[in-house]
Structures are given as C-alpha cells and as structure tokens.
Amino acid sequence: MNLQLNSIKGLGTHENFDVLTHITMSKKEHRGRIQAQGEGLEASESWAQDEPLTAKKGLGLLRRLKKKISEADAAKREKQFHKAEGYINRASQVGGLDPHKKTFKKKDSDARVEIEILSGKAFVSFLVILILLFWIFKLKG
C-alpha cells in the first residue's frame, strides 16, 4: 500500500498516514479524531471501533494528545484542552454525540483543539453502552 501511495505525485509522509488511517478507520462504525492544530502544529489521536467511544476513553485520547505535543504547544492551548475536556464530560451526560466537528480556538491565534466525530457516536457513558447492548439483545431474543 505504501509503495502505491508514494507513487502518487504530491503525497508526502503525512498525507500517506492520513490516507492509510482513513482506509483503516472507514471499516469501523464509530470513528473520529481529536486534534491540536495551528501555529505550525498538526497532531492528532484517532479512534475507530465497533462500539461507541466512551467519554472515559475520549478523555484518555485528549490527555495522550496533550502529552504527545511539546510543553510549549500544550501551554498555548491549555484553555482549549480544558474546554474540550468539559465538552466531552457534558456530552456523556446527554447520551453522547453524533457526527460533527467542534473547534476550541485560541483568541487572536490559529492555535486550536478540535474534536471531529466522523461517524457513529462518541463520548457516551458506560451506562449508555450497557442499555444499548441490553436493548439489542432483547430485540434479538
């Protein structure tokens, strides 16, 4: 796969990763990514799974992203990371979120944290997953 992608003009290493990630992620029903971008930074943590992403796992991805970038880049986006954390926690209280994109942008700068739910549902509480599984098995039984 990499050899074929490298032969496409204009695709550098980063673009190859995005294409491969998309191919892998598109096989799962629930997928998305959390990104730190702007001011020369482009970093992300993604998920692709058969079941909805829990808020706990989403918060873990947010923390992993924050640790992945430099301390200076994380400090520039401290308020945006905090807002994203609150957003994920609030989403879990209302049953999670459907596909959409939410940007937490720093004033007077393009530094930002973005949450992008590409398909399925994200940031559900564990209780919601249990209820969904119970409902699915009840319909089958």
Protein backbone atom coordinates (compact mmCIF):
# COMPACT_ATOMS: atom_id res chain seq x y z
CA MET A 1 0.00 0.00 0.00
CA ASN A 2 2.76 2.48 0.88
CA LEU A 3 4.51 1.90 -2.44
CA GLN A 4 1.36 2.73 -4.35
CA LEU A 5 0.70 5.84 -2.28
CA ASN A 6 4.29 7.06 -2.65
CA SER A 7 3.90 6.89 -6.42
CA ILE A 8 1.03 9.41 -6.32
CA LYS A 9 2.51 12.84 -7.01
CA GLY A 10 2.37 15.31 -4.15
CA LEU A 11 1.74 12.83 -1.35
CA GLY A 12 4.30 13.24 1.39
CA THR A 13 4.70 11.16 4.55
CA HIS A 14 1.96 12.98 6.49
CA GLU A 15 -0.57 12.63 3.70
CA ASN A 16 0.22 8.92 3.38
CA PHE A 17 -0.54 8.45 7.07
CA ASP A 18 -3.86 10.27 6.71
CA VAL A 19 -4.86 8.13 3.72
CA LEU A 20 -3.88 4.90 5.50
CA THR A 21 -5.63 6.00 8.68
CA HIS A 22 -8.78 6.78 6.69
CA ILE A 23 -8.71 3.38 4.98
CA THR A 24 -8.33 1.59 8.32
CA MET A 25 -10.83 3.80 10.16
CA SER A 26 -13.53 3.58 7.48
CA LYS A 27 -14.09 -0.11 8.31
CA LYS A 28 -15.43 0.69 11.79
CA GLU A 29 -18.82 2.21 12.62
CA HIS A 30 -17.66 4.65 15.32
CA ARG A 31 -14.68 6.79 14.36
CA GLY A 32 -13.18 10.21 14.76
CA ARG A 33 -10.18 12.17 15.99
CA ILE A 34 -9.06 14.81 18.43
CA GLN A 35 -6.54 17.28 17.04
CA ALA A 36 -4.19 20.02 18.19
CA GLN A 37 -3.51 22.36 15.29
CA GLY A 38 -2.34 25.81 14.28
CA GLU A 39 0.86 27.80 14.61
CA GLY A 40 2.73 25.10 12.70
CA LEU A 41 1.39 22.20 14.77
CA GLU A 42 -0.65 19.31 13.45
CA ALA A 43 -1.08 16.38 15.87
CA SER A 44 -3.98 14.03 16.43
CA GLU A 45 -5.29 10.97 18.23
CA SER A 46 -7.95 8.94 16.45
CA TRP A 47 -10.35 6.12 17.20
CA ALA A 48 -12.10 3.54 15.05
CA GLN A 49 -14.14 0.85 16.74
CA ASP A 50 -17.33 -1.17 16.53
CA GLU A 51 -18.87 0.28 19.71
CA PRO A 52 -19.40 3.95 20.65
CA LEU A 53 -16.37 5.68 22.19
CA THR A 54 -16.87 6.20 25.91
CA ALA A 55 -16.22 9.57 27.50
CA LYS A 56 -13.50 7.95 29.62
CA LYS A 57 -11.64 6.75 26.52
CA GLY A 58 -12.18 10.10 24.84
CA LEU A 59 -10.63 11.89 27.80
CA GLY A 60 -7.74 9.43 27.61
CA LEU A 61 -7.19 10.34 23.94
CA LEU A 62 -7.28 14.03 24.85
CA ARG A 63 -4.65 13.50 27.58
CA ARG A 64 -2.49 11.41 25.22
CA LEU A 65 -2.64 14.17 22.60
CA LYS A 66 -1.61 16.76 25.17
CA LYS A 67 1.39 14.61 26.19
CA LYS A 68 2.30 13.96 22.56
CA ILE A 69 2.94 17.64 21.76
CA SER A 70 5.64 19.86 23.23
CA GLU A 71 5.08 21.52 26.60
CA ALA A 72 5.12 24.91 24.88
CA ASP A 73 2.43 23.86 22.37
CA ALA A 74 0.33 22.35 25.16
CA ALA A 75 0.69 25.53 27.23
CA LYS A 76 -0.51 27.65 24.27
CA ARG A 77 -3.65 25.51 24.14
CA GLU A 78 -4.21 24.94 27.87
CA LYS A 79 -7.59 26.72 27.90
CA GLN A 80 -8.68 24.90 24.72
CA PHE A 81 -7.75 21.49 26.19
CA HIS A 82 -9.72 22.38 29.33
CA LYS A 83 -12.77 23.40 27.27
CA ALA A 84 -12.54 20.19 25.22
CA GLU A 85 -12.45 18.15 28.44
CA GLY A 86 -15.59 19.86 29.71
CA TYR A 87 -17.27 19.32 26.34
CA ILE A 88 -16.58 15.57 26.48
CA ASN A 89 -17.84 15.35 30.09
CA ARG A 90 -21.05 17.23 29.24
CA ALA A 91 -21.60 15.03 26.17
CA SER A 92 -21.53 11.91 28.33
CA GLN A 93 -24.35 13.33 30.46
CA VAL A 94 -26.67 13.64 27.44
CA GLY A 95 -26.02 10.25 25.85
CA GLY A 96 -23.01 11.15 23.71
CA LEU A 97 -22.65 12.98 20.42
CA ASP A 98 -23.37 12.21 16.77
CA PRO A 99 -21.02 13.10 13.88
CA HIS A 100 -19.89 16.73 13.83
CA LYS A 101 -16.83 18.92 14.35
CA LYS A 102 -16.21 21.20 17.33
CA THR A 103 -13.32 23.66 17.42
CA PHE A 104 -11.88 25.29 20.54
CA LYS A 105 -9.83 28.17 19.13
CA LYS A 106 -7.49 30.49 20.94
CA LYS A 107 -8.32 34.20 20.57
CA ASP A 108 -6.05 36.15 18.20
CA SER A 109 -4.33 32.95 17.03
CA ASP A 110 -4.95 29.89 14.90
CA ALA A 111 -3.86 27.60 17.78
CA ARG A 112 -6.76 25.27 18.47
CA VAL A 113 -8.02 21.90 19.69
CA GLU A 114 -10.62 20.17 17.54
CA ILE A 115 -12.90 17.22 18.13
CA GLU A 116 -14.15 15.55 14.98
CA ILE A 117 -16.67 12.72 15.14
CA LEU A 118 -16.66 11.25 11.65
CA SER A 119 -19.29 8.53 12.12
CA GLY A 120 -21.24 6.73 14.81
CA LYS A 121 -21.39 8.06 18.35
CA ALA A 122 -18.78 9.29 20.79
CA PHE A 123 -18.38 10.25 24.44
CA VAL A 124 -21.13 8.06 25.81
CA SER A 125 -21.19 6.93 29.40
CA PHE A 126 -20.61 3.26 30.13
CA LEU A 127 -24.23 3.05 31.30
CA VAL A 128 -25.48 4.08 27.85
CA ILE A 129 -23.47 1.25 26.28
CA LEU A 130 -24.99 -1.25 28.71
CA ILE A 131 -28.50 0.00 27.91
CA LEU A 132 -27.82 -0.24 24.15
CA LEU A 133 -26.48 -3.78 24.48
CA PHE A 134 -29.48 -4.81 26.58
CA TRP A 135 -31.85 -3.31 24.00
CA ILE A 136 -30.06 -5.03 21.07
CA PHE A 137 -30.10 -8.45 22.77
CA LYS A 138 -33.72 -8.01 23.81
CA LEU A 139 -34.70 -7.37 20.16
CA LYS A 140 -32.76 -10.43 19.00
CA GLY A 141 -34.15 -12.67 21.76
